[in-house]
Protein backbone atom coordinates (compact mmCIF):
# COMPACT_ATOMS: atom_id res chain seq x y z
CA MET A 1 36.46 -98.30 63.83
CA ARG A 2 34.48 -95.02 64.42
CA THR A 3 33.07 -92.98 67.38
CA THR A 4 29.97 -90.73 67.89
CA SER A 5 30.35 -87.07 69.49
CA ALA A 6 27.92 -84.40 69.87
CA VAL A 7 29.07 -81.58 67.79
CA LEU A 8 28.31 -77.65 68.21
CA VAL A 9 28.11 -76.51 64.49
CA ALA A 10 26.50 -73.25 65.37
CA PRO A 11 25.45 -71.53 68.28
CA GLU A 12 22.57 -73.56 70.03
CA SER A 13 22.92 -76.13 67.12
CA ILE A 14 24.34 -79.60 67.96
CA GLU A 15 24.63 -82.57 65.56
CA LEU A 16 25.88 -85.95 65.99
CA HIS A 17 28.85 -86.74 64.03
CA GLU A 18 31.28 -89.90 63.66
CA PHE A 19 34.69 -89.52 63.81
CA PRO A 20 37.62 -92.24 63.19
CA VAL A 21 38.98 -93.60 66.51
CA PRO A 22 42.50 -92.58 66.50
CA THR A 23 45.42 -94.85 66.40
CA ILE A 24 47.33 -94.52 70.09
CA GLY A 25 51.01 -94.62 70.13
CA GLU A 26 53.46 -95.04 73.17
CA ASP A 27 53.00 -91.44 74.59
CA ASP A 28 49.06 -91.24 74.42
CA GLY A 29 45.96 -92.71 75.03
CA LEU A 30 42.09 -93.00 74.41
CA LEU A 31 39.42 -92.77 77.01
CA ARG A 32 35.93 -94.58 76.61
CA MET A 33 33.76 -91.85 78.26
CA GLU A 34 31.03 -92.95 81.10
CA LEU A 35 29.67 -89.67 81.72
CA ALA A 36 30.26 -86.08 80.90
CA GLY A 37 28.90 -83.29 83.17
CA ILE A 38 27.08 -80.12 81.78
CA CYS A 39 28.52 -76.90 83.10
CA GLY A 40 27.24 -73.46 83.22
CA SER A 41 30.12 -72.45 80.69
CA ASP A 42 29.08 -75.09 78.50
CA VAL A 43 25.79 -73.21 78.39
CA LEU A 44 27.50 -70.07 77.45
CA HIS A 45 29.75 -71.68 74.77
CA TRP A 46 26.60 -73.40 73.11
CA GLY A 47 24.80 -69.97 73.32
CA GLY A 48 27.59 -68.36 71.25
CA HIS A 49 28.58 -66.00 74.28
CA SER A 50 32.36 -67.18 74.58
CA ALA A 51 35.48 -67.48 72.35
CA VAL A 52 34.46 -71.15 71.52
CA SER A 53 32.39 -69.64 68.88
CA ARG A 54 35.68 -69.11 66.68
CA ASN A 55 36.63 -72.72 67.19
CA LEU A 56 33.33 -74.31 65.54
CA PRO A 57 32.83 -77.11 65.01
CA ALA A 58 33.54 -77.91 68.50
CA ILE A 59 32.93 -80.85 70.98
CA LEU A 60 31.80 -79.21 74.43
CA GLY A 61 32.54 -81.11 77.73
CA HIS A 62 35.09 -80.74 80.11
CA GLU A 63 33.75 -82.52 83.04
CA ILE A 64 35.23 -86.10 82.45
CA VAL A 65 35.08 -89.58 83.98
CA GLY A 66 35.37 -92.73 81.94
CA ARG A 67 37.89 -95.94 81.44
CA ILE A 68 40.92 -96.19 79.58
CA GLU A 69 40.43 -98.09 76.62
CA HIS A 70 43.87 -97.86 74.90
CA VAL A 71 47.19 -96.47 76.51
CA GLY A 72 50.64 -96.29 75.48
CA ALA A 73 53.49 -97.86 77.47
CA LEU A 74 55.10 -94.35 77.98
CA ALA A 75 51.76 -92.88 78.76
CA SER A 76 50.73 -95.68 81.21
CA ARG A 77 53.82 -95.30 83.12
CA ARG A 78 53.40 -91.38 83.43
CA TRP A 79 49.69 -91.47 84.31
CA GLY A 80 49.89 -94.65 86.40
CA VAL A 81 47.10 -96.23 84.57
CA THR A 82 46.33 -99.38 82.74
CA HIS A 83 43.52 -100.69 80.41
CA GLY A 84 40.21 -100.57 82.07
CA ASP A 85 40.96 -98.17 84.70
CA ARG A 86 38.24 -95.73 85.67
CA VAL A 87 39.80 -92.12 85.63
CA ILE A 88 38.82 -88.43 85.79
CA VAL A 89 40.88 -86.03 83.42
CA GLU A 90 41.58 -82.46 84.09
CA ALA A 91 39.93 -79.73 81.79
CA SER A 92 43.10 -78.18 80.72
CA PHE A 93 46.50 -79.79 79.77
CA GLY A 94 48.14 -76.50 78.24
CA CYS A 95 50.40 -76.10 75.41
CA GLY A 96 53.65 -76.58 77.42
CA LEU A 97 55.55 -73.65 75.62
CA CYS A 98 53.85 -70.55 76.68
CA GLU A 99 55.09 -68.42 79.80
CA LEU A 100 51.93 -69.37 81.83
CA CYS A 101 52.36 -73.27 81.46
CA LEU A 102 56.02 -73.01 82.09
CA ARG A 103 55.19 -71.24 85.43
CA GLY A 104 53.04 -74.07 86.21
CA SER A 105 49.78 -72.35 85.46
CA TYR A 106 48.57 -74.50 82.64
CA GLN A 107 44.96 -73.96 83.32
CA MET A 108 45.50 -70.39 82.09
CA CYS A 109 47.42 -71.53 79.17
CA ALA A 110 48.16 -68.66 76.43
CA GLN A 111 47.11 -70.89 73.66
CA GLY A 112 43.84 -72.18 75.38
CA GLN A 113 44.88 -76.03 75.20
CA GLY A 114 42.32 -78.05 77.00
CA TYR A 115 38.88 -80.00 76.62
CA GLY A 116 35.42 -78.52 75.81
CA GLY A 117 35.55 -76.45 72.70
CA ARG A 118 39.29 -74.62 73.14
CA ILE A 119 40.45 -76.92 70.31
CA SER A 120 38.29 -77.52 67.15
CA ALA A 121 36.78 -80.65 66.24
CA SER A 122 38.50 -80.18 62.78
CA VAL A 123 41.91 -80.48 64.39
CA THR A 124 43.07 -84.10 64.22
CA PRO A 125 42.44 -86.27 65.97
CA TYR A 126 39.18 -84.47 66.50
CA LEU A 127 37.87 -85.97 69.99
CA TRP A 128 38.83 -82.79 72.16
CA GLY A 129 35.74 -82.86 74.22
CA ALA A 130 33.78 -84.75 76.69
CA TYR A 131 30.19 -84.89 74.64
CA GLY A 132 31.20 -88.02 72.92
CA GLN A 133 31.64 -91.90 73.11
CA HIS A 134 35.51 -91.37 73.46
CA LEU A 135 37.86 -88.83 74.33
CA TYR A 136 41.66 -88.41 73.06
CA LEU A 137 44.50 -88.14 75.48
CA PRO A 138 47.19 -86.40 74.29
CA PRO A 139 50.67 -86.65 76.02
CA ARG A 140 50.20 -83.61 78.19
CA ALA A 141 46.61 -84.76 79.49
CA ARG A 142 46.36 -85.11 83.09
CA VAL A 143 45.00 -88.26 83.84
CA HIS A 144 44.00 -89.16 87.48
CA ARG A 145 42.79 -92.80 88.20
CA ILE A 146 40.18 -93.01 90.92
CA GLY A 147 39.18 -96.68 91.09
CA ASP A 148 36.21 -98.74 90.73
CA ALA A 149 34.83 -97.62 94.29
CA VAL A 150 34.17 -94.09 93.10
CA SER A 151 31.04 -94.47 90.83
CA PRO A 152 30.75 -92.56 87.53
CA GLU A 153 28.30 -90.15 89.34
CA VAL A 154 30.69 -89.33 91.81
CA GLY A 155 33.63 -89.11 89.44
CA VAL A 156 31.79 -86.66 86.82
CA VAL A 157 31.83 -83.94 89.80
CA ILE A 158 35.42 -84.49 90.98
CA GLY A 159 37.38 -82.85 88.39
CA ALA A 160 35.93 -79.55 87.33
CA VAL A 161 33.50 -79.00 90.23
CA LEU A 162 34.78 -80.49 93.57
CA ALA A 163 38.17 -79.54 92.62
CA ASN A 164 37.18 -76.07 91.72
CA GLY A 165 35.83 -75.75 95.17
CA VAL A 166 38.83 -76.70 96.73
CA ARG A 167 41.10 -74.46 94.82
CA TRP A 168 38.74 -71.37 94.82
CA VAL A 169 37.62 -71.72 98.60
CA HIS A 170 40.81 -72.98 100.45
CA THR A 171 44.05 -72.68 98.16
CA ILE A 172 43.21 -69.21 96.69
CA GLY A 173 40.39 -68.17 99.15
CA GLY A 174 42.42 -69.09 102.28
CA ALA A 175 39.57 -70.61 104.09
CA GLY A 176 40.85 -72.45 107.02
CA VAL A 177 40.19 -73.73 110.62
CA GLY A 178 37.45 -71.47 112.51
CA ASP A 179 36.75 -69.30 109.66
CA THR A 180 33.33 -67.99 108.57
CA VAL A 181 32.69 -68.79 104.73
CA ILE A 182 29.78 -67.59 102.80
CA VAL A 183 28.93 -68.96 99.60
CA PHE A 184 26.46 -67.13 97.30
CA GLY A 185 24.62 -69.47 94.93
CA PRO A 186 23.61 -73.10 95.64
CA GLY A 187 24.25 -74.59 92.50
CA PRO A 188 26.73 -77.44 91.64
CA GLN A 189 29.74 -75.01 92.04
CA GLY A 190 28.35 -73.56 95.48
CA LEU A 191 27.37 -76.95 96.72
CA ALA A 192 31.39 -77.81 96.12
CA ALA A 193 32.52 -74.46 97.74
CA VAL A 194 30.39 -75.67 100.77
CA ILE A 195 32.08 -79.07 100.90
CA ALA A 196 35.22 -77.42 100.65
CA ALA A 197 34.93 -75.10 103.30
CA GLN A 198 33.85 -77.59 105.52
CA ALA A 199 36.61 -79.85 104.74
CA ALA A 200 39.15 -77.03 105.50
CA GLY A 201 37.73 -76.54 108.96
CA ALA A 202 35.51 -73.54 108.59
CA GLU A 203 33.56 -72.92 111.71
CA ARG A 204 30.38 -71.33 110.02
CA ILE A 205 29.54 -71.91 106.46
CA VAL A 206 26.38 -69.84 105.47
CA ALA A 207 24.78 -70.86 101.73
CA VAL A 208 22.93 -67.78 100.19
CA GLY A 209 20.32 -68.48 97.38
CA LEU A 210 17.14 -67.44 96.18
CA ARG A 211 13.78 -68.12 97.80
CA ARG A 212 12.59 -70.64 94.98
CA ASP A 213 16.24 -72.47 96.15
CA ARG A 214 14.72 -73.90 99.17
CA ALA A 215 15.59 -77.57 98.26
CA ARG A 216 19.01 -76.63 97.14
CA LEU A 217 19.63 -74.84 100.42
CA THR A 218 18.59 -77.65 102.15
CA PHE A 219 20.89 -80.03 100.20
CA ALA A 220 23.70 -77.28 101.06
CA ARG A 221 23.28 -78.20 104.70
CA ASP A 222 24.04 -81.96 104.00
CA CYS A 223 27.16 -80.82 102.24
CA GLY A 224 28.17 -78.95 105.26
CA ALA A 225 26.42 -75.64 105.41
CA THR A 226 25.78 -74.48 109.17
CA HIS A 227 23.12 -71.87 107.93
CA THR A 228 21.10 -70.80 104.84
CA LEU A 229 19.92 -67.48 103.97
CA SER A 230 17.53 -66.25 101.17
CA PHE A 231 18.87 -63.55 99.07
CA ASP A 232 17.03 -60.22 99.51
CA GLU A 233 17.39 -56.63 100.56
CA HIS A 234 17.90 -57.93 104.01
CA THR A 235 20.98 -60.25 103.33
CA ILE A 236 23.69 -58.32 104.69
CA GLU A 237 21.84 -57.41 107.86
CA ALA A 238 21.15 -61.28 108.35
CA ILE A 239 24.73 -61.88 107.89
CA ALA A 240 25.70 -59.25 110.53
CA ASP A 241 23.38 -60.81 112.81
CA LEU A 242 24.82 -64.13 112.24
CA THR A 243 28.38 -63.26 112.84
CA SER A 244 27.88 -60.60 115.64
CA GLY A 245 28.77 -57.95 113.12
CA ARG A 246 31.95 -59.42 112.13
CA LEU A 247 30.96 -60.41 108.67
CA ALA A 248 32.99 -63.13 106.88
CA ASP A 249 36.50 -64.32 106.55
CA VAL A 250 35.92 -65.53 102.87
CA VAL A 251 32.89 -64.78 100.73
CA ILE A 252 32.57 -66.67 97.19
CA ASP A 253 30.01 -65.65 94.67
CA VAL A 254 29.31 -68.51 92.05
CA THR A 255 25.73 -67.22 90.95
CA GLY A 256 26.88 -65.99 87.54
CA SER A 257 24.25 -63.01 88.55
CA ALA A 258 25.04 -59.46 87.92
CA ALA A 259 23.09 -58.49 91.07
CA SER A 260 24.55 -60.81 93.32
CA PRO A 261 28.32 -59.73 93.61
CA ALA A 262 27.49 -56.20 94.88
CA VAL A 263 25.93 -57.67 97.99
CA ALA A 264 28.42 -60.46 98.25
CA ALA A 265 31.27 -58.12 98.39
CA GLU A 266 29.62 -56.23 101.26
CA ALA A 267 29.74 -59.41 103.39
CA VAL A 268 33.51 -59.61 103.52
CA ARG A 269 35.08 -58.30 106.76
CA PRO A 270 37.89 -56.23 107.00
CA LEU A 271 41.29 -57.91 105.63
CA GLY A 272 39.01 -60.61 104.42
CA THR A 273 38.93 -62.21 100.98
CA PHE A 274 36.20 -61.83 98.41
CA VAL A 275 36.50 -64.85 95.73
CA MET A 276 34.81 -64.13 92.15
CA ALA A 277 33.64 -66.87 90.08
CA GLY A 278 31.05 -67.67 87.42
CA SER A 279 30.76 -65.74 84.28
CA THR A 280 27.83 -63.32 84.01
CA ALA A 281 28.26 -63.23 80.17
CA ALA A 282 27.67 -59.68 78.80
CA ALA A 283 26.19 -58.34 81.76
CA SER A 284 28.45 -55.75 83.86
CA VAL A 285 28.95 -56.00 87.53
CA GLU A 286 29.04 -53.02 89.86
CA LEU A 287 30.82 -53.59 93.13
CA PRO A 288 30.94 -51.60 96.48
CA TRP A 289 34.57 -50.17 95.43
CA ASN A 290 34.84 -47.51 98.46
CA GLU A 291 33.93 -50.36 100.85
CA LEU A 292 36.48 -52.79 99.46
CA VAL A 293 39.02 -50.19 99.69
CA ARG A 294 38.22 -48.93 103.09
CA LYS A 295 38.26 -52.47 104.29
CA GLU A 296 41.27 -53.48 102.33
CA VAL A 297 39.47 -56.57 100.85
CA ARG A 298 41.40 -58.88 98.77
CA ALA A 299 39.26 -59.31 95.81
CA GLN A 300 40.29 -62.24 93.59
CA GLY A 301 39.21 -63.64 90.17
CA VAL A 302 39.05 -67.43 90.11
CA ASN A 303 38.62 -69.61 86.94
CA SER A 304 39.43 -73.44 87.19
CA HIS A 305 41.19 -76.19 89.13
CA ASP A 306 44.92 -77.32 88.94
CA GLN A 307 46.49 -80.68 89.63
CA ALA A 308 46.88 -80.23 93.58
CA ALA A 309 43.27 -79.39 93.91
CA VAL A 310 42.34 -82.55 91.90
CA ARG A 311 44.22 -84.79 94.08
CA ALA A 312 42.37 -83.24 97.14
CA ALA A 313 38.93 -83.52 95.61
CA ILE A 314 39.78 -87.11 94.80
CA SER A 315 40.44 -87.67 98.52
CA LEU A 316 37.48 -86.05 99.44
CA ALA A 317 35.21 -88.05 96.98
CA ALA A 318 36.81 -91.34 98.15
CA SER A 319 36.07 -90.37 101.89
CA GLY A 320 32.43 -91.21 101.33
CA HIS A 321 31.71 -88.22 103.74
CA TYR A 322 29.94 -85.84 101.18
CA PRO A 323 26.63 -86.82 99.07
CA LEU A 324 28.31 -86.12 95.79
CA GLU A 325 26.50 -88.58 93.97
CA ARG A 326 23.08 -86.72 94.70
CA MET A 327 24.18 -84.00 92.72
CA VAL A 328 23.54 -85.71 89.43
CA THR A 329 19.80 -85.13 88.99
CA HIS A 330 19.38 -85.45 85.20
CA ARG A 331 20.84 -87.89 82.76
CA PHE A 332 20.46 -87.60 79.05
CA PRO A 333 21.63 -89.84 75.92
CA LEU A 334 24.23 -88.15 73.62
CA GLY A 335 21.64 -87.05 71.12
CA SER A 336 19.81 -84.91 73.45
CA ALA A 337 22.69 -82.63 74.47
CA GLY A 338 21.23 -79.64 73.20
CA HIS A 339 17.96 -80.32 74.95
CA ALA A 340 20.04 -80.93 78.18
CA LEU A 341 21.83 -77.74 77.66
CA SER A 342 18.61 -75.88 77.09
CA LEU A 343 17.26 -77.35 80.31
CA VAL A 344 20.33 -76.39 82.43
CA ARG A 345 20.04 -72.60 81.11
CA ASP A 346 16.16 -72.48 81.75
CA ALA A 347 15.57 -74.66 84.61
CA ALA A 348 13.28 -73.48 87.31
CA ALA A 349 13.89 -74.75 91.01
CA SER A 350 10.75 -76.82 90.69
CA ASP A 351 12.77 -78.95 87.74
CA GLY A 352 14.86 -80.15 90.44
CA VAL A 353 17.92 -79.41 88.50
CA ILE A 354 21.45 -79.56 90.20
CA LYS A 355 23.82 -81.16 87.74
CA ALA A 356 22.86 -82.66 84.31
CA VAL A 357 25.06 -85.30 82.75
CA LEU A 358 25.42 -86.82 79.38
CA ASP A 359 25.64 -90.76 79.06
CA PRO A 360 26.94 -91.44 75.58
CA PHE A 361 26.29 -95.15 75.52
CA ASP A 362 22.75 -94.68 76.89
CA GLU A 363 20.16 -94.17 74.27
CA ALA A 364 17.40 -93.12 76.17
CA GLY A 365 18.62 -91.44 78.85
CA ARG A 366 17.22 -91.70 82.47
CA GLN A 367 15.59 -88.76 84.67
CA PRO A 368 14.88 -88.87 88.18
CA ALA A 369 11.45 -90.35 89.32
CA GLU A 370 10.68 -87.06 91.18
CA THR A 371 11.72 -83.19 90.30
CA GLU A 372 12.04 -82.28 94.03
CA LEU A 373 15.82 -82.27 95.00
CA PRO A 374 16.96 -84.87 97.67
CA GLY A 375 17.20 -83.80 101.19
């Protein structure tokens, strides 16, 4: 039996390749993919702007939802799953041997063990990315059963989108009851940050985007934002007016823009926290260093999710309180992976793109009837 994956063979070049379906033993498993999310970091990998270029050929994709197709007895007990269960899988699993893994920070594994191009598709059993019909589950994989009540469209944004928001805003950012949280960037990760802030009990949640992000900012209100602002030369003044001059307890920048972080950093109150997320690729970023020092702001970089954040994200998704399914606006067949990546990279606001996904068993793909975002 063979299975098909979309393989990155060179920058901006993806080909469909067939691979043998691996034989599953007592301690591993095989996932039949339902949907694979396209992340902004996938766009960087595809464009040759990351270390993934050293691992080619590679299968991208680390936003994962599917059903267990085969699972060994030991793995079944460890993960609490059986054949046919709908699950999500964390992006990282770690080598289990390096210092970072041994201290519990497997998402920062020194060997980079995880999905989405961090292991070459030339390494058996080959299926190390979500852009395919099947995904291999090694013994160290972190698998979470979500049940049939959670749709694939919701499941695909739990593990590496909503869980990131939970960890970045609440666990690391420290947002809590009564706080003011400001989110720069109303894309999928920004919307997840808004949800995480609302779930943490923040009193004032401000989403900041460009003027062309009007529909996304409206959607941010559906996710829990209490205020929205357009990013311009008056943004800090507007934030000061909203907060009576106090500014924000927690500010997170998820824009991936080189221009936004300098303004976002100024929006933090004295002794507040500035959470830095999103990659600007090769662009350098200037920060208001003197202001950060004067106000004793805690500046914290963030990169991924962990098991605790994933479990919290599953609970948030299962509650049904948030419009997570509406994040998935564009759907593509596996053979259109390159087109999907270029759409995410180049999309204008009028294209209505929030989250694009690949459906590996849909030959035609389905697009929304209208390009305006919901809400």
